[in-house]
Amino acid sequence: MRTHSGLHILTAVVFRDFGAKVTGGNMEPLTARMDFDLPEVPEGFKDRVAEAVNAEIALDRPISARLLPRAEAFEIPNLIRTTADLLPEDLQTIRVVDIDGLDQQADGGTHVASTKLIGRVDVVKVENKGRGFRRLRVRVS
């Protein structure tokens, strides 16, 4: 749950600060990778992302989930942060995870109750995965 919640903060920060959507990812306990559509890696990207993610964690934002009718859920701006919308069209109820004041995303996974419970997220490495695709490897401690 800590890792999954940390990835939500990571994707929210990278989208907010750099406009990049998720193209893929993988998660294991306390370690993960997220891939982003990011044509250029700005100066100091790794450290800027880590600092912003941990600043958001320190704010101890509540994390909650609610079920919404599909039409209402899709009124939320940027509900889908992936380059592909993976929600089946016949899915009429959408579970939305809300990190208060930071992020709202369609999501079916488990989460901690507040950001402070995540601990610390370290951006271990940034990799170039081809034309415009960047991979961030993270560790939760």
Protein backbone atom coordinates (compact mmCIF):
# COMPACT_ATOMS: atom_id res chain seq x y z
CA MET A 1 0.00 0.00 0.00
CA ARG A 2 2.85 2.38 0.79
CA THR A 3 4.48 1.79 -2.57
CA HIS A 4 1.22 2.11 -4.50
CA SER A 5 0.31 5.35 -2.72
CA GLY A 6 3.83 6.65 -3.32
CA LEU A 7 3.47 5.97 -7.03
CA HIS A 8 0.29 8.04 -7.10
CA ILE A 9 2.23 10.95 -5.65
CA LEU A 10 5.07 10.36 -8.11
CA THR A 11 2.74 10.36 -11.12
CA ALA A 12 0.88 13.42 -9.81
CA VAL A 13 4.11 15.37 -9.35
CA VAL A 14 5.56 14.39 -12.73
CA PHE A 15 2.27 15.30 -14.44
CA ARG A 16 1.87 18.58 -12.51
CA ASP A 17 5.47 19.77 -12.81
CA PHE A 18 6.50 18.31 -16.19
CA GLY A 19 3.23 17.49 -18.01
CA ALA A 20 4.23 13.85 -18.55
CA LYS A 21 1.76 10.97 -18.59
CA VAL A 22 2.46 7.39 -17.56
CA THR A 23 3.27 4.87 -20.28
CA GLY A 24 3.91 1.85 -18.05
CA GLY A 25 5.09 0.65 -14.71
CA ASN A 26 5.73 -2.18 -12.33
CA MET A 27 5.46 -2.39 -8.56
CA GLU A 28 6.82 -4.71 -5.91
CA PRO A 29 6.92 -4.20 -2.14
CA LEU A 30 8.95 -1.03 -1.47
CA THR A 31 10.36 -0.78 -4.99
CA ALA A 32 8.87 0.19 -8.34
CA ARG A 33 9.37 1.72 -11.73
CA MET A 34 7.19 4.16 -13.61
CA ASP A 35 7.62 5.02 -17.27
CA PHE A 36 6.69 8.45 -18.58
CA ASP A 37 6.20 10.12 -21.94
CA LEU A 38 8.83 12.83 -21.42
CA PRO A 39 10.73 13.93 -24.56
CA GLU A 40 13.47 15.81 -22.68
CA VAL A 41 14.88 15.31 -19.21
CA PRO A 42 15.14 18.74 -17.58
CA GLU A 43 18.25 19.72 -15.62
CA GLY A 44 18.11 18.26 -12.11
CA PHE A 45 15.00 16.21 -12.93
CA LYS A 46 15.76 13.28 -10.60
CA ASP A 47 16.40 15.48 -7.57
CA ARG A 48 13.52 17.86 -8.34
CA VAL A 49 11.07 14.95 -8.57
CA ALA A 50 12.33 13.35 -5.35
CA GLU A 51 12.15 16.64 -3.47
CA ALA A 52 8.62 17.42 -4.69
CA VAL A 53 7.34 13.90 -3.95
CA ASN A 54 8.70 13.93 -0.41
CA ALA A 55 7.37 17.45 0.20
CA GLU A 56 3.89 16.18 -0.75
CA ILE A 57 4.30 13.16 1.54
CA ALA A 58 5.25 15.44 4.45
CA LEU A 59 2.00 17.41 4.06
CA ASP A 60 0.17 14.36 5.47
CA ARG A 61 -2.65 14.64 2.92
CA PRO A 62 -5.64 12.33 3.51
CA ILE A 63 -6.13 9.56 0.92
CA SER A 64 -9.64 8.32 0.23
CA ALA A 65 -11.56 6.39 -2.40
CA ARG A 66 -15.11 6.69 -3.69
CA LEU A 67 -17.26 5.12 -6.37
CA LEU A 68 -18.72 7.41 -9.01
CA PRO A 69 -20.96 6.88 -12.01
CA ARG A 70 -18.80 6.81 -15.15
CA ALA A 71 -20.10 10.11 -16.54
CA GLU A 72 -19.48 11.91 -13.25
CA ALA A 73 -16.01 10.41 -12.85
CA PHE A 74 -14.98 11.53 -16.32
CA GLU A 75 -15.89 15.11 -15.43
CA ILE A 76 -12.76 15.14 -13.23
CA PRO A 77 -9.93 16.73 -15.22
CA ASN A 78 -7.05 14.36 -15.99
CA LEU A 79 -8.73 11.41 -14.28
CA ILE A 80 -6.68 9.11 -16.51
CA ARG A 81 -2.94 9.84 -16.25
CA THR A 82 -1.83 7.10 -18.61
CA THR A 83 -1.28 7.60 -22.32
CA ALA A 84 -3.93 4.92 -22.93
CA ASP A 85 -7.34 4.80 -21.23
CA LEU A 86 -7.44 1.27 -19.84
CA LEU A 87 -10.97 1.46 -18.42
CA PRO A 88 -13.38 -0.80 -20.32
CA GLU A 89 -16.20 1.16 -21.95
CA ASP A 90 -18.86 -1.01 -20.31
CA LEU A 91 -17.57 -0.18 -16.80
CA GLN A 92 -20.29 2.09 -15.46
CA THR A 93 -18.95 2.69 -11.94
CA ILE A 94 -15.45 4.09 -11.52
CA ARG A 95 -13.44 3.94 -8.30
CA VAL A 96 -11.60 7.24 -7.81
CA VAL A 97 -8.69 7.57 -5.40
CA ASP A 98 -8.26 11.09 -4.05
CA ILE A 99 -5.08 12.43 -2.46
CA ASP A 100 -6.61 15.55 -0.95
CA GLY A 101 -5.52 18.66 -2.82
CA LEU A 102 -3.05 16.84 -5.08
CA ASP A 103 -4.45 14.03 -7.16
CA GLN A 104 -7.59 12.22 -8.29
CA GLN A 105 -7.20 9.12 -10.44
CA ALA A 106 -9.25 6.14 -11.47
CA ASP A 107 -7.74 3.26 -9.53
CA GLY A 108 -8.70 -0.07 -8.03
CA GLY A 109 -5.73 -0.65 -5.71
CA THR A 110 -5.10 -0.42 -1.99
CA HIS A 111 -3.72 2.71 -0.35
CA VAL A 112 -2.60 4.05 3.00
CA ALA A 113 -4.91 6.50 4.80
CA SER A 114 -2.59 9.53 4.49
CA THR A 115 0.54 10.47 2.63
CA LYS A 116 2.73 10.60 5.74
CA LEU A 117 2.22 6.83 6.16
CA ILE A 118 4.12 6.24 2.90
CA GLY A 119 7.47 7.11 4.46
CA ARG A 120 10.12 8.38 2.07
CA VAL A 121 10.30 7.88 -1.69
CA ASP A 122 13.79 7.89 -3.19
CA VAL A 123 14.22 8.26 -6.94
CA VAL A 124 17.04 5.78 -7.44
CA LYS A 125 17.57 6.14 -11.18
CA VAL A 126 16.26 7.81 -14.33
CA GLU A 127 16.68 5.77 -17.52
CA ASN A 128 16.18 6.62 -21.18
CA LYS A 129 13.93 3.94 -22.69
CA GLY A 130 13.82 5.24 -26.24
CA ARG A 131 12.35 8.19 -28.08
CA GLY A 132 10.66 10.32 -25.42
CA PHE A 133 10.25 7.56 -22.85
CA ARG A 134 11.84 7.86 -19.42
CA ARG A 135 11.84 5.30 -16.63
CA LEU A 136 12.04 6.34 -12.99
CA ARG A 137 13.08 3.67 -10.52
CA VAL A 138 12.01 4.37 -6.95
CA ARG A 139 12.42 2.88 -3.50
CA VAL A 140 10.15 3.46 -0.50
CA SER A 141 11.71 3.54 2.94
